[in-house]
C-alpha atoms as a PDB file:
ATOM      1  CA  MET A   1     -18.884  29.327  -5.983  1.00  0.00           C
ATOM      2  CA  GLY A   2     -20.735  30.880  -3.331  1.00  0.00           C
ATOM      3  CA  TYR A   3     -21.179  27.537  -1.418  1.00  0.00           C
ATOM      4  CA  ALA A   4     -17.316  26.892  -1.421  1.00  0.00           C
ATOM      5  CA  LEU A   5     -16.699  30.516  -0.291  1.00  0.00           C
ATOM      6  CA  VAL A   6     -18.865  29.823   2.535  1.00  0.00           C
ATOM      7  CA  GLN A   7     -17.459  26.432   3.293  1.00  0.00           C
ATOM      8  CA  LEU A   8     -13.982  27.952   3.296  1.00  0.00           C
ATOM      9  CA  VAL A   9     -15.224  30.777   5.605  1.00  0.00           C
ATOM     10  CA  ASN A  10     -16.626  28.134   8.008  1.00  0.00           C
ATOM     11  CA  ALA A  11     -13.510  25.859   7.911  1.00  0.00           C
ATOM     12  CA  VAL A  12     -11.169  28.678   8.708  1.00  0.00           C
ATOM     13  CA  LEU A  13     -13.165  29.874  11.607  1.00  0.00           C
ATOM     14  CA  SER A  14     -13.353  26.229  13.049  1.00  0.00           C
ATOM     15  CA  LEU A  15      -9.394  25.956  12.308  1.00  0.00           C
ATOM     16  CA  LEU A  16      -8.838  29.208  14.552  1.00  0.00           C
ATOM     17  CA  SER A  17     -11.057  27.467  17.341  1.00  0.00           C
ATOM     18  CA  PHE A  18      -9.315  24.371  17.292  1.00  0.00           C
ATOM     19  CA  PHE A  19      -6.001  26.562  17.266  1.00  0.00           C
ATOM     20  CA  ILE A  20      -7.146  28.290  20.432  1.00  0.00           C
ATOM     21  CA  ILE A  21      -8.095  25.132  22.384  1.00  0.00           C
ATOM     22  CA  ALA A  22      -4.973  23.642  21.397  1.00  0.00           C
ATOM     23  CA  SER A  23      -2.681  26.547  22.570  1.00  0.00           C
ATOM     24  CA  ALA A  24      -4.765  26.572  25.968  1.00  0.00           C
ATOM     25  CA  ILE A  25      -4.226  23.066  26.501  1.00  0.00           C
ATOM     26  CA  LEU A  26      -0.402  23.095  25.691  1.00  0.00           C
ATOM     27  CA  SER A  27      -0.407  26.407  28.012  1.00  0.00           C
ATOM     28  CA  TRP A  28      -1.813  24.112  30.922  1.00  0.00           C
ATOM     29  CA  LEU A  29       0.301  21.484  30.431  1.00  0.00           C
ATOM     30  CA  PHE A  30       3.431  24.098  30.184  1.00  0.00           C
ATOM     31  CA  ALA A  31       2.099  25.574  34.030  1.00  0.00           C
ATOM     32  CA  PHE A  32       1.652  21.897  35.516  1.00  0.00           C
ATOM     33  CA  ASP A  33       5.256  20.801  34.031  1.00  0.00           C
ATOM     34  CA  VAL A  34       3.839  17.975  32.314  1.00  0.00           C
ATOM     35  CA  ILE A  35       5.811  19.177  29.241  1.00  0.00           C
ATOM     36  CA  ASN A  36       8.474  21.385  28.844  1.00  0.00           C
ATOM     37  CA  HIS A  37      10.327  23.792  26.295  1.00  0.00           C
ATOM     38  CA  ARG A  38      13.526  21.993  25.599  1.00  0.00           C
ATOM     39  CA  ASN A  39      11.761  19.372  23.556  1.00  0.00           C
ATOM     40  CA  ARG A  40      12.289  20.784  20.289  1.00  0.00           C
ATOM     41  CA  PHE A  41       9.008  19.608  18.808  1.00  0.00           C
ATOM     42  CA  VAL A  42       6.847  20.668  21.597  1.00  0.00           C
ATOM     43  CA  SER A  43       8.844  24.213  21.289  1.00  0.00           C
ATOM     44  CA  GLN A  44       7.897  24.369  17.592  1.00  0.00           C
ATOM     45  CA  VAL A  45       4.506  23.514  17.997  1.00  0.00           C
ATOM     46  CA  ALA A  46       4.159  26.393  20.931  1.00  0.00           C
ATOM     47  CA  TYR A  47       5.764  28.719  18.723  1.00  0.00           C
ATOM     48  CA  PHE A  48       3.366  28.247  16.125  1.00  0.00           C
ATOM     49  CA  LEU A  49       0.265  27.895  17.913  1.00  0.00           C
ATOM     50  CA  ASP A  50       1.590  31.385  19.880  1.00  0.00           C
ATOM     51  CA  ARG A  51       1.918  33.336  16.518  1.00  0.00           C
ATOM     52  CA  VAL A  52      -1.718  31.960  15.469  1.00  0.00           C
ATOM     53  CA  THR A  53      -3.628  33.015  18.473  1.00  0.00           C
ATOM     54  CA  GLY A  54      -1.678  36.063  19.517  1.00  0.00           C
ATOM     55  CA  PRO A  55      -3.103  38.340  17.584  1.00  0.00           C
ATOM     56  CA  LEU A  56      -6.664  37.198  18.153  1.00  0.00           C
ATOM     57  CA  LEU A  57      -6.000  36.821  22.450  1.00  0.00           C
ATOM     58  CA  GLU A  58      -4.110  39.933  22.696  1.00  0.00           C
ATOM     59  CA  PRO A  59      -6.806  42.420  22.202  1.00  0.00           C
ATOM     60  CA  VAL A  60      -8.830  40.659  24.775  1.00  0.00           C
ATOM     61  CA  ARG A  61      -6.038  40.267  27.332  1.00  0.00           C
ATOM     62  CA  ARG A  62      -5.396  44.028  27.283  1.00  0.00           C
ATOM     63  CA  VAL A  63      -9.136  44.520  27.997  1.00  0.00           C
ATOM     64  CA  ILE A  64      -9.947  41.971  30.428  1.00  0.00           C
ATOM     65  CA  PRO A  65      -6.912  41.093  33.052  1.00  0.00           C
ATOM     66  CA  SER A  66      -6.325  37.468  34.147  1.00  0.00           C
ATOM     67  CA  LEU A  67      -8.701  36.342  37.277  1.00  0.00           C
ATOM     68  CA  GLY A  68      -5.748  35.260  39.893  1.00  0.00           C
ATOM     69  CA  GLY A  69      -3.829  33.928  37.339  1.00  0.00           C
ATOM     70  CA  ILE A  70      -6.380  32.305  35.115  1.00  0.00           C
ATOM     71  CA  ASP A  71      -6.750  33.565  31.729  1.00  0.00           C
ATOM     72  CA  ILE A  72     -10.291  33.624  30.261  1.00  0.00           C
ATOM     73  CA  SER A  73      -9.336  35.422  27.005  1.00  0.00           C
ATOM     74  CA  PRO A  74      -9.581  32.206  24.981  1.00  0.00           C
ATOM     75  CA  ILE A  75     -13.289  31.349  26.143  1.00  0.00           C
ATOM     76  CA  ILE A  76     -14.287  35.027  25.177  1.00  0.00           C
ATOM     77  CA  VAL A  77     -12.527  34.511  21.751  1.00  0.00           C
ATOM     78  CA  LEU A  78     -13.921  31.082  21.200  1.00  0.00           C
ATOM     79  CA  LEU A  79     -17.317  32.697  21.813  1.00  0.00           C
ATOM     80  CA  LEU A  80     -17.005  35.662  19.625  1.00  0.00           C
ATOM     81  CA  ILE A  81     -15.993  33.166  16.882  1.00  0.00           C
ATOM     82  CA  GLN A  82     -18.823  31.160  17.491  1.00  0.00           C
ATOM     83  CA  PHE A  83     -20.925  34.500  17.356  1.00  0.00           C
ATOM     84  CA  VAL A  84     -19.348  35.542  14.086  1.00  0.00           C
ATOM     85  CA  THR A  85     -19.883  31.986  12.588  1.00  0.00           C
ATOM     86  CA  THR A  86     -23.726  31.924  13.364  1.00  0.00           C
ATOM     87  CA  VAL A  87     -24.091  35.676  12.152  1.00  0.00           C
ATOM     88  CA  PHE A  88     -22.267  34.722   8.943  1.00  0.00           C
ATOM     89  CA  ASN A  89     -24.074  31.393   8.324  1.00  0.00           C
ATOM     90  CA  ARG A  90     -27.754  33.156   9.095  1.00  0.00           C
ATOM     91  CA  MET A  91     -26.843  36.248   7.165  1.00  0.00           C
ATOM     92  CA  ALA A  92     -24.235  36.621   4.626  1.00  0.00           C
ATOM     93  CA  ALA A  93     -24.021  33.041   3.603  1.00  0.00           C
ATOM     94  CA  PRO A  94     -27.501  32.669   2.119  1.00  0.00           C
ATOM     95  CA  SER A  95     -26.920  35.797  -0.018  1.00  0.00           C
ATOM     96  CA  LEU A  96     -23.573  34.768  -1.279  1.00  0.00           C
ATOM     97  CA  ILE A  97     -24.875  31.303  -2.396  1.00  0.00           C
ATOM     98  CA  TYR A  98     -27.789  33.090  -4.047  1.00  0.00           C
ATOM     99  CA  ALA A  99     -25.359  35.807  -5.739  1.00  0.00           C
ATOM    100  CA  LEU A 100     -22.748  33.522  -6.742  1.00  0.00           C
ATOM    101  CA  GLY A 101     -24.228  29.965  -7.453  1.00  0.00           C
END
């Protein structure tokens, strides 16, 4: 049970990282006019990614302004997710596996 819980937490953190990277790439494609919002599928994907990553990125965007039009908040959030993953796997995961089996 504990091992499954650890795997679930790691999977959710990895999925969040993937969504943040996909959102950043999609925003670059919009900025360079490679794709546009008129495509319904692209618009729905962008809306979904914005709704998922927005609550993670907005607090960082409020603290750190964009640097000449470059938004570094995804990089900072990805680093924080990596930090949380490492701390969880080193400290909490062994005790969860030991306690829950």
